[in-house]
């Protein structure tokens, strides 16, 4: 039969474990939200800018080779399955194909 002291001890251990789990989740959430709003990438070649992440959408303009673009995020959820980058703070929303940039070891965060 459990004594009042053993019940209290188990309750204290359980409470401490829950507090630690909550603290860990908070730290992880803060680390995820600390991701930069954008990354700067420089084009390796002339890069067309499109309305949607597909080359069959409306083409807005073409950025010359060597242009640095602020990239907000990336997606592979496209008709071709290729990775596309969304340009940061662009109105209207604009996309550029990732193949116009040097290879990325760590691509920008997912959209």
N, C-alpha and C. Protein backbone atom coordinates (compact mmCIF):
# COMPACT_ATOMS: atom_id res chain seq x y z
N UNK A 1 0.84 -1.18 0.00
CA UNK A 1 0.00 0.00 0.00
C UNK A 1 0.89 1.25 0.00
N UNK A 2 0.49 2.26 -0.76
CA UNK A 2 1.29 3.46 -0.89
C UNK A 2 1.13 4.35 0.34
N UNK A 3 2.24 4.85 0.80
CA UNK A 3 2.21 5.76 1.95
C UNK A 3 2.03 7.18 1.44
N UNK A 4 1.57 8.08 2.28
CA UNK A 4 1.41 9.47 1.84
C UNK A 4 2.73 10.08 1.35
N UNK A 5 3.85 9.69 1.95
CA UNK A 5 5.14 10.23 1.53
C UNK A 5 5.51 9.75 0.13
N UNK A 6 5.25 8.47 -0.19
CA UNK A 6 5.59 7.96 -1.53
C UNK A 6 4.69 8.59 -2.58
N UNK A 7 3.43 8.85 -2.25
CA UNK A 7 2.52 9.52 -3.19
C UNK A 7 3.01 10.93 -3.47
N UNK A 8 3.41 11.63 -2.41
CA UNK A 8 3.93 12.99 -2.58
C UNK A 8 5.21 13.00 -3.42
N UNK A 9 6.09 12.04 -3.18
CA UNK A 9 7.35 11.96 -3.91
C UNK A 9 7.07 11.71 -5.39
N UNK A 10 6.16 10.78 -5.69
CA UNK A 10 5.81 10.50 -7.09
C UNK A 10 5.17 11.71 -7.75
N UNK A 11 4.35 12.42 -7.02
CA UNK A 11 3.71 13.63 -7.56
C UNK A 11 4.76 14.70 -7.87
N UNK A 12 5.73 14.84 -6.99
CA UNK A 12 6.78 15.84 -7.20
C UNK A 12 7.63 15.49 -8.41
N UNK A 13 7.97 14.21 -8.57
CA UNK A 13 8.76 13.77 -9.72
C UNK A 13 7.99 13.99 -11.01
N UNK A 14 6.70 13.65 -11.00
CA UNK A 14 5.86 13.85 -12.19
C UNK A 14 5.75 15.33 -12.53
N UNK A 15 5.57 16.17 -11.52
CA UNK A 15 5.48 17.61 -11.74
C UNK A 15 6.76 18.17 -12.33
N UNK A 16 7.90 17.72 -11.81
CA UNK A 16 9.19 18.18 -12.34
C UNK A 16 9.39 17.74 -13.78
N UNK A 17 8.98 16.52 -14.11
CA UNK A 17 9.11 16.02 -15.48
C UNK A 17 8.24 16.83 -16.44
N UNK A 18 7.01 17.15 -16.02
CA UNK A 18 6.13 17.95 -16.87
C UNK A 18 6.68 19.37 -17.06
N UNK A 19 7.23 19.94 -16.00
CA UNK A 19 7.81 21.28 -16.12
C UNK A 19 8.99 21.28 -17.07
N UNK A 20 9.85 20.27 -17.00
CA UNK A 20 10.99 20.16 -17.90
C UNK A 20 10.53 19.98 -19.34
N UNK A 21 9.51 19.17 -19.56
CA UNK A 21 8.99 18.97 -20.92
C UNK A 21 8.43 20.27 -21.47
N UNK A 22 7.73 21.03 -20.64
CA UNK A 22 7.19 22.32 -21.09
C UNK A 22 8.28 23.31 -21.43
N UNK A 23 9.33 23.34 -20.62
CA UNK A 23 10.47 24.24 -20.88
C UNK A 23 11.16 23.86 -22.18
N UNK A 24 11.36 22.57 -22.41
CA UNK A 24 12.01 22.10 -23.63
C UNK A 24 11.18 22.50 -24.86
N UNK A 25 9.87 22.33 -24.80
CA UNK A 25 9.01 22.69 -25.92
C UNK A 25 9.07 24.19 -26.19
N UNK A 26 9.13 25.01 -25.14
CA UNK A 26 9.21 26.46 -25.30
C UNK A 26 10.51 26.86 -25.97
N UNK A 27 11.62 26.27 -25.56
CA UNK A 27 12.93 26.58 -26.14
C UNK A 27 12.95 26.19 -27.62
N UNK A 28 12.39 25.02 -27.96
CA UNK A 28 12.35 24.59 -29.35
C UNK A 28 11.50 25.53 -30.19
N UNK A 29 10.37 25.97 -29.67
CA UNK A 29 9.50 26.90 -30.41
C UNK A 29 10.20 28.23 -30.63
N UNK A 30 10.94 28.71 -29.62
CA UNK A 30 11.67 29.97 -29.78
C UNK A 30 12.77 29.83 -30.81
N UNK A 31 13.45 28.69 -30.86
CA UNK A 31 14.51 28.47 -31.84
C UNK A 31 13.94 28.45 -33.24
N UNK A 32 12.78 27.83 -33.42
CA UNK A 32 12.15 27.79 -34.74
C UNK A 32 11.71 29.17 -35.17
N UNK A 33 11.19 29.96 -34.24
CA UNK A 33 10.72 31.30 -34.61
C UNK A 33 11.89 32.26 -34.79
N UNK A 34 13.08 31.88 -34.35
CA UNK A 34 14.25 32.74 -34.50
C UNK A 34 14.88 32.64 -35.88
N UNK A 35 14.32 31.80 -36.75
CA UNK A 35 14.84 31.69 -38.12
C UNK A 35 14.75 33.06 -38.78
N UNK A 36 15.74 33.40 -39.60
CA UNK A 36 15.72 34.72 -40.23
C UNK A 36 14.51 34.87 -41.17
N UNK A 37 14.05 36.11 -41.31
CA UNK A 37 12.91 36.39 -42.18
C UNK A 37 13.26 36.12 -43.64
N UNK A 38 14.54 36.29 -43.99
CA UNK A 38 14.97 36.05 -45.36
C UNK A 38 16.46 35.71 -45.38
N UNK A 39 16.89 35.16 -46.49
CA UNK A 39 18.32 34.94 -46.73
C UNK A 39 18.67 35.63 -48.04
N UNK A 40 19.87 36.15 -48.13
CA UNK A 40 20.35 36.77 -49.36
C UNK A 40 21.03 35.73 -50.23
N UNK A 41 20.57 35.60 -51.46
CA UNK A 41 21.19 34.70 -52.43
C UNK A 41 21.49 35.49 -53.70
N UNK A 42 22.62 35.21 -54.32
CA UNK A 42 23.03 35.90 -55.53
C UNK A 42 22.86 34.98 -56.73
N UNK A 43 22.23 35.50 -57.76
CA UNK A 43 21.95 34.71 -58.95
C UNK A 43 23.24 34.36 -59.68
N UNK A 44 23.31 33.14 -60.20
CA UNK A 44 24.47 32.69 -60.96
C UNK A 44 24.29 32.95 -62.45
N UNK A 45 23.06 33.27 -62.84
CA UNK A 45 22.72 33.54 -64.25
C UNK A 45 21.49 34.41 -64.28
N UNK A 46 21.13 34.90 -65.46
CA UNK A 46 19.91 35.68 -65.60
C UNK A 46 18.74 34.85 -65.08
N UNK A 47 17.89 35.45 -64.24
CA UNK A 47 16.85 34.71 -63.53
C UNK A 47 15.48 35.32 -63.73
N UNK A 48 14.60 34.65 -64.47
CA UNK A 48 13.24 35.15 -64.63
C UNK A 48 12.47 35.07 -63.30
N UNK A 49 11.66 36.06 -63.05
CA UNK A 49 10.83 36.13 -61.84
C UNK A 49 9.38 35.91 -62.27
N UNK A 50 8.70 34.96 -61.60
CA UNK A 50 7.35 34.56 -62.00
C UNK A 50 6.33 34.83 -60.91
N UNK A 51 5.05 34.84 -61.31
CA UNK A 51 3.95 35.06 -60.38
C UNK A 51 3.69 33.85 -59.50
N UNK A 52 3.94 32.66 -60.00
CA UNK A 52 3.73 31.42 -59.27
C UNK A 52 4.96 30.54 -59.44
N UNK A 53 5.12 29.52 -58.59
CA UNK A 53 6.31 28.67 -58.70
C UNK A 53 6.22 27.68 -59.86
N UNK A 54 6.05 28.23 -61.06
CA UNK A 54 6.06 27.44 -62.29
C UNK A 54 6.39 28.38 -63.45
N UNK A 55 7.18 27.91 -64.39
CA UNK A 55 7.59 28.77 -65.51
C UNK A 55 6.45 29.01 -66.50
N UNK A 56 5.32 28.35 -66.33
CA UNK A 56 4.17 28.60 -67.21
C UNK A 56 3.29 29.73 -66.68
N UNK A 57 3.65 30.30 -65.52
CA UNK A 57 2.87 31.43 -64.98
C UNK A 57 3.37 32.74 -65.57
N UNK A 58 2.76 33.83 -65.17
CA UNK A 58 3.12 35.16 -65.67
C UNK A 58 4.56 35.51 -65.27
N UNK A 59 5.34 35.94 -66.25
CA UNK A 59 6.72 36.34 -65.99
C UNK A 59 6.73 37.85 -65.74
N UNK A 60 7.21 38.25 -64.56
CA UNK A 60 7.25 39.67 -64.20
C UNK A 60 8.44 40.40 -64.80
N UNK A 61 9.61 39.78 -64.68
CA UNK A 61 10.84 40.43 -65.14
C UNK A 61 11.96 39.39 -65.12
N UNK A 62 13.14 39.79 -65.55
CA UNK A 62 14.33 38.93 -65.46
C UNK A 62 15.42 39.71 -64.75
N UNK A 63 15.92 39.13 -63.68
CA UNK A 63 17.02 39.75 -62.93
C UNK A 63 18.33 39.32 -63.57
N UNK A 64 19.27 40.26 -63.78
CA UNK A 64 20.55 39.90 -64.39
C UNK A 64 21.42 39.06 -63.46
N UNK A 65 22.39 38.38 -64.05
CA UNK A 65 23.36 37.57 -63.30
C UNK A 65 24.05 38.46 -62.26
N UNK A 66 24.25 37.92 -61.07
CA UNK A 66 24.94 38.67 -60.02
C UNK A 66 24.01 39.49 -59.15
N UNK A 67 22.72 39.44 -59.38
CA UNK A 67 21.76 40.18 -58.57
C UNK A 67 21.54 39.44 -57.25
N UNK A 68 21.57 40.16 -56.15
CA UNK A 68 21.27 39.56 -54.85
C UNK A 68 19.80 39.73 -54.57
N UNK A 69 19.13 38.61 -54.30
CA UNK A 69 17.70 38.62 -53.99
C UNK A 69 17.49 38.18 -52.55
N UNK A 70 16.50 38.77 -51.91
CA UNK A 70 16.11 38.36 -50.56
C UNK A 70 15.10 37.23 -50.72
N UNK A 71 15.44 36.05 -50.24
CA UNK A 71 14.59 34.88 -50.38
C UNK A 71 13.91 34.60 -49.04
N UNK A 72 12.57 34.56 -49.06
CA UNK A 72 11.80 34.34 -47.83
C UNK A 72 11.73 32.87 -47.47
N UNK A 73 11.49 32.02 -48.46
CA UNK A 73 11.30 30.59 -48.18
C UNK A 73 11.38 29.81 -49.48
N UNK A 74 11.31 28.48 -49.36
CA UNK A 74 11.38 27.63 -50.55
C UNK A 74 10.28 26.58 -50.51
N UNK A 75 9.92 26.08 -51.68
CA UNK A 75 8.92 25.03 -51.76
C UNK A 75 9.27 24.06 -52.89
N UNK A 76 8.89 22.82 -52.70
CA UNK A 76 8.98 21.83 -53.78
C UNK A 76 7.57 21.35 -54.13
N UNK A 77 6.58 22.01 -53.53
CA UNK A 77 5.18 21.68 -53.81
C UNK A 77 4.76 22.41 -55.09
N UNK A 78 5.33 21.97 -56.20
CA UNK A 78 5.12 22.61 -57.50
C UNK A 78 4.75 21.53 -58.52
N UNK A 79 4.20 21.94 -59.67
CA UNK A 79 3.86 20.94 -60.68
C UNK A 79 5.05 20.08 -61.10
N UNK A 80 6.23 20.66 -61.17
CA UNK A 80 7.42 19.92 -61.61
C UNK A 80 8.12 19.18 -60.47
N UNK A 81 7.83 19.57 -59.23
CA UNK A 81 8.53 19.01 -58.08
C UNK A 81 9.87 19.68 -57.83
N UNK A 82 10.23 20.65 -58.65
CA UNK A 82 11.49 21.38 -58.49
C UNK A 82 11.37 22.37 -57.33
N UNK A 83 12.51 22.76 -56.75
CA UNK A 83 12.51 23.74 -55.66
C UNK A 83 12.43 25.15 -56.24
N UNK A 84 11.51 25.94 -55.70
CA UNK A 84 11.36 27.34 -56.06
C UNK A 84 11.50 28.19 -54.81
N UNK A 85 12.01 29.42 -54.98
CA UNK A 85 12.19 30.36 -53.87
C UNK A 85 11.17 31.49 -54.01
N UNK A 86 10.54 31.84 -52.88
CA UNK A 86 9.64 33.01 -52.85
C UNK A 86 10.47 34.22 -52.45
N UNK A 87 10.32 35.29 -53.21
CA UNK A 87 11.09 36.51 -52.94
C UNK A 87 10.46 37.25 -51.77
N UNK A 88 11.30 37.64 -50.83
CA UNK A 88 10.87 38.29 -49.60
C UNK A 88 10.25 39.66 -49.88
N UNK A 89 9.14 39.92 -49.23
CA UNK A 89 8.49 41.23 -49.23
C UNK A 89 8.18 41.75 -50.64
N UNK A 90 7.87 40.85 -51.55
CA UNK A 90 7.55 41.23 -52.93
C UNK A 90 6.04 41.39 -53.07
N UNK A 91 5.62 42.50 -53.63
CA UNK A 91 4.21 42.73 -53.91
C UNK A 91 4.05 43.02 -55.39
N UNK A 92 3.35 42.23 -56.16
CA UNK A 92 2.71 40.98 -55.74
C UNK A 92 3.75 39.89 -55.47
N UNK A 93 3.28 38.79 -54.89
CA UNK A 93 4.17 37.66 -54.57
C UNK A 93 4.91 37.23 -55.83
N UNK A 94 6.21 36.96 -55.69
CA UNK A 94 7.03 36.58 -56.84
C UNK A 94 7.91 35.38 -56.47
N UNK A 95 8.19 34.56 -57.50
CA UNK A 95 8.96 33.33 -57.32
C UNK A 95 10.09 33.25 -58.33
N UNK A 96 11.17 32.56 -57.94
CA UNK A 96 12.30 32.34 -58.83
C UNK A 96 12.75 30.89 -58.64
N UNK A 97 13.12 30.24 -59.74
CA UNK A 97 13.55 28.84 -59.70
C UNK A 97 14.91 28.75 -59.03
N UNK A 98 15.08 27.77 -58.14
CA UNK A 98 16.32 27.63 -57.37
C UNK A 98 17.52 27.28 -58.24
N UNK A 99 17.30 26.76 -59.45
CA UNK A 99 18.39 26.39 -60.34
C UNK A 99 19.19 27.57 -60.85
N UNK A 100 18.70 28.79 -60.62
CA UNK A 100 19.42 29.99 -61.06
C UNK A 100 20.46 30.45 -60.03
N UNK A 101 20.60 29.69 -58.93
CA UNK A 101 21.51 30.04 -57.85
C UNK A 101 22.53 28.92 -57.66
N UNK A 102 23.68 29.23 -57.08
CA UNK A 102 24.62 28.15 -56.74
C UNK A 102 23.94 27.15 -55.82
N UNK A 103 24.38 25.91 -55.84
CA UNK A 103 23.76 24.86 -55.02
C UNK A 103 23.76 25.27 -53.55
N UNK A 104 22.66 24.97 -52.89
CA UNK A 104 22.50 25.30 -51.48
C UNK A 104 22.68 24.04 -50.63
N UNK A 105 23.57 24.10 -49.67
CA UNK A 105 23.73 22.98 -48.73
C UNK A 105 22.49 22.94 -47.83
N UNK A 106 22.07 24.09 -47.36
CA UNK A 106 20.88 24.23 -46.53
C UNK A 106 19.94 25.22 -47.23
N UNK A 107 18.92 24.72 -47.93
CA UNK A 107 18.02 25.64 -48.61
C UNK A 107 17.23 26.49 -47.62
N UNK A 108 16.69 27.62 -48.06
CA UNK A 108 15.88 28.45 -47.16
C UNK A 108 14.74 27.65 -46.55
N UNK A 109 14.21 28.15 -45.45
CA UNK A 109 13.13 27.45 -44.74
C UNK A 109 11.96 27.18 -45.70
N UNK A 110 11.17 26.19 -45.34
CA UNK A 110 10.02 25.82 -46.18
C UNK A 110 8.91 26.85 -46.04
N UNK A 111 8.19 27.06 -47.13
CA UNK A 111 7.05 27.99 -47.11
C UNK A 111 5.85 27.32 -46.45
